[in-house]
Amino acid sequence: MTEMVVVRSKIKELAEGMNVAGDFAEHLNEEVVSLIKKACERAKANKRSTIQARDL
């Protein structure tokens, strides 16, 4: 498992009264990490060392 980059308490805040399953944060974290890695690959392919919103 990779390091958590999402904050569980913030997920609960945004869910506004909804229950949040215990595995939700882990799966969301996997998605976020994947998005960041893909953004890094795109930036490198475009010869940049800074990831930008357009890399998503």
N, C-alpha and C. Protein backbone atom coordinates (compact mmCIF):
# COMPACT_ATOMS: atom_id res chain seq x y z
N MET A 1 0.84 -1.19 0.00
CA MET A 1 0.00 0.00 0.00
C MET A 1 0.89 1.25 0.00
N THR A 2 0.49 2.23 -0.77
CA THR A 2 1.23 3.49 -0.82
C THR A 2 0.82 4.40 0.33
N GLU A 3 1.64 5.39 0.55
CA GLU A 3 1.36 6.37 1.59
C GLU A 3 0.05 7.10 1.30
N MET A 4 -0.70 7.41 2.35
CA MET A 4 -1.97 8.11 2.18
C MET A 4 -1.72 9.57 1.81
N VAL A 5 -2.35 10.01 0.74
CA VAL A 5 -2.25 11.42 0.34
C VAL A 5 -3.59 12.12 0.52
N VAL A 6 -4.63 11.34 0.81
CA VAL A 6 -5.94 11.94 1.09
C VAL A 6 -6.16 11.95 2.60
N VAL A 7 -6.97 12.86 3.05
CA VAL A 7 -7.23 13.02 4.49
C VAL A 7 -8.63 12.50 4.78
N ARG A 8 -8.68 11.46 5.60
CA ARG A 8 -9.96 10.81 5.90
C ARG A 8 -10.99 11.79 6.49
N SER A 9 -10.55 12.65 7.38
CA SER A 9 -11.50 13.58 8.01
C SER A 9 -12.09 14.54 6.99
N LYS A 10 -11.32 14.91 5.98
CA LYS A 10 -11.84 15.80 4.94
C LYS A 10 -12.85 15.09 4.06
N ILE A 11 -12.64 13.80 3.84
CA ILE A 11 -13.61 13.01 3.06
C ILE A 11 -14.95 13.03 3.79
N LYS A 12 -14.93 12.79 5.09
CA LYS A 12 -16.17 12.78 5.88
C LYS A 12 -16.85 14.14 5.84
N GLU A 13 -16.07 15.21 5.90
CA GLU A 13 -16.64 16.56 5.82
C GLU A 13 -17.35 16.77 4.49
N LEU A 14 -16.70 16.38 3.42
CA LEU A 14 -17.28 16.57 2.08
C LEU A 14 -18.48 15.67 1.82
N ALA A 15 -18.53 14.54 2.50
CA ALA A 15 -19.64 13.60 2.30
C ALA A 15 -20.95 14.13 2.90
N GLU A 16 -20.87 15.17 3.70
CA GLU A 16 -22.03 15.86 4.26
C GLU A 16 -23.14 14.94 4.75
N GLY A 17 -22.89 14.30 5.88
CA GLY A 17 -23.92 13.49 6.51
C GLY A 17 -24.01 12.06 6.02
N MET A 18 -23.28 11.72 4.98
CA MET A 18 -23.28 10.35 4.48
C MET A 18 -22.30 9.52 5.29
N ASN A 19 -22.58 8.25 5.42
CA ASN A 19 -21.62 7.34 6.03
C ASN A 19 -20.53 7.04 5.00
N VAL A 20 -19.31 6.89 5.47
CA VAL A 20 -18.18 6.60 4.58
C VAL A 20 -17.62 5.24 4.96
N ALA A 21 -17.63 4.31 4.02
CA ALA A 21 -17.13 2.96 4.27
C ALA A 21 -15.64 3.00 4.61
N GLY A 22 -15.22 2.05 5.39
CA GLY A 22 -13.83 2.00 5.84
C GLY A 22 -12.82 1.89 4.72
N ASP A 23 -13.18 1.23 3.62
CA ASP A 23 -12.23 1.05 2.52
C ASP A 23 -12.28 2.18 1.48
N PHE A 24 -13.20 3.11 1.65
CA PHE A 24 -13.36 4.19 0.67
C PHE A 24 -12.08 5.03 0.55
N ALA A 25 -11.51 5.41 1.68
CA ALA A 25 -10.31 6.27 1.66
C ALA A 25 -9.15 5.58 0.95
N GLU A 26 -8.97 4.28 1.20
CA GLU A 26 -7.87 3.56 0.55
C GLU A 26 -8.04 3.54 -0.97
N HIS A 27 -9.26 3.28 -1.42
CA HIS A 27 -9.50 3.24 -2.86
C HIS A 27 -9.40 4.62 -3.50
N LEU A 28 -9.90 5.63 -2.80
CA LEU A 28 -9.76 7.00 -3.30
C LEU A 28 -8.28 7.36 -3.39
N ASN A 29 -7.52 6.97 -2.38
CA ASN A 29 -6.09 7.24 -2.37
C ASN A 29 -5.41 6.61 -3.58
N GLU A 30 -5.76 5.36 -3.90
CA GLU A 30 -5.19 4.68 -5.07
C GLU A 30 -5.48 5.46 -6.35
N GLU A 31 -6.69 5.96 -6.46
CA GLU A 31 -7.08 6.74 -7.65
C GLU A 31 -6.27 8.03 -7.74
N VAL A 32 -6.11 8.71 -6.62
CA VAL A 32 -5.37 9.97 -6.59
C VAL A 32 -3.91 9.74 -6.94
N VAL A 33 -3.31 8.71 -6.35
CA VAL A 33 -1.91 8.39 -6.64
C VAL A 33 -1.74 8.08 -8.12
N SER A 34 -2.67 7.33 -8.69
CA SER A 34 -2.62 7.01 -10.12
C SER A 34 -2.70 8.28 -10.98
N LEU A 35 -3.60 9.19 -10.62
CA LEU A 35 -3.72 10.45 -11.36
C LEU A 35 -2.43 11.27 -11.30
N ILE A 36 -1.81 11.30 -10.13
CA ILE A 36 -0.57 12.06 -9.97
C ILE A 36 0.54 11.45 -10.82
N LYS A 37 0.64 10.12 -10.79
CA LYS A 37 1.68 9.44 -11.58
C LYS A 37 1.49 9.68 -13.07
N LYS A 38 0.24 9.61 -13.54
CA LYS A 38 -0.04 9.87 -14.95
C LYS A 38 0.29 11.31 -15.31
N ALA A 39 -0.01 12.24 -14.42
CA ALA A 39 0.30 13.65 -14.67
C ALA A 39 1.81 13.84 -14.77
N CYS A 40 2.56 13.16 -13.93
CA CYS A 40 4.02 13.24 -13.98
C CYS A 40 4.55 12.72 -15.31
N GLU A 41 4.01 11.59 -15.75
CA GLU A 41 4.43 11.01 -17.04
C GLU A 41 4.14 11.98 -18.18
N ARG A 42 2.98 12.61 -18.16
CA ARG A 42 2.62 13.55 -19.24
C ARG A 42 3.54 14.76 -19.22
N ALA A 43 3.84 15.27 -18.04
CA ALA A 43 4.73 16.43 -17.94
C ALA A 43 6.12 16.07 -18.46
N LYS A 44 6.63 14.90 -18.08
CA LYS A 44 7.94 14.46 -18.56
C LYS A 44 7.94 14.29 -20.07
N ALA A 45 6.87 13.74 -20.61
CA ALA A 45 6.76 13.56 -22.07
C ALA A 45 6.78 14.90 -22.80
N ASN A 46 6.33 15.94 -22.11
CA ASN A 46 6.33 17.28 -22.68
C ASN A 46 7.55 18.10 -22.24
N LYS A 47 8.54 17.38 -21.71
CA LYS A 47 9.82 17.98 -21.30
C LYS A 47 9.66 19.09 -20.26
N ARG A 48 8.76 18.84 -19.31
CA ARG A 48 8.55 19.77 -18.20
C ARG A 48 8.84 19.05 -16.89
N SER A 49 9.27 19.80 -15.90
CA SER A 49 9.50 19.22 -14.58
C SER A 49 8.43 19.68 -13.58
N THR A 50 7.42 20.35 -14.08
CA THR A 50 6.32 20.82 -13.24
C THR A 50 5.02 20.21 -13.75
N ILE A 51 4.28 19.54 -12.85
CA ILE A 51 2.97 19.05 -13.27
C ILE A 51 1.97 20.19 -13.14
N GLN A 52 1.08 20.23 -14.10
CA GLN A 52 0.09 21.32 -14.16
C GLN A 52 -1.30 20.72 -14.30
N ALA A 53 -2.30 21.54 -14.10
CA ALA A 53 -3.70 21.09 -14.17
C ALA A 53 -3.98 20.41 -15.51
N ARG A 54 -3.40 20.90 -16.56
CA ARG A 54 -3.65 20.32 -17.89
C ARG A 54 -3.10 18.90 -18.02
N ASP A 55 -2.23 18.48 -17.11
CA ASP A 55 -1.70 17.13 -17.14
C ASP A 55 -2.69 16.10 -16.63
N LEU A 56 -3.75 16.57 -16.00
CA LEU A 56 -4.80 15.65 -15.55
C LEU A 56 -5.68 15.25 -16.71
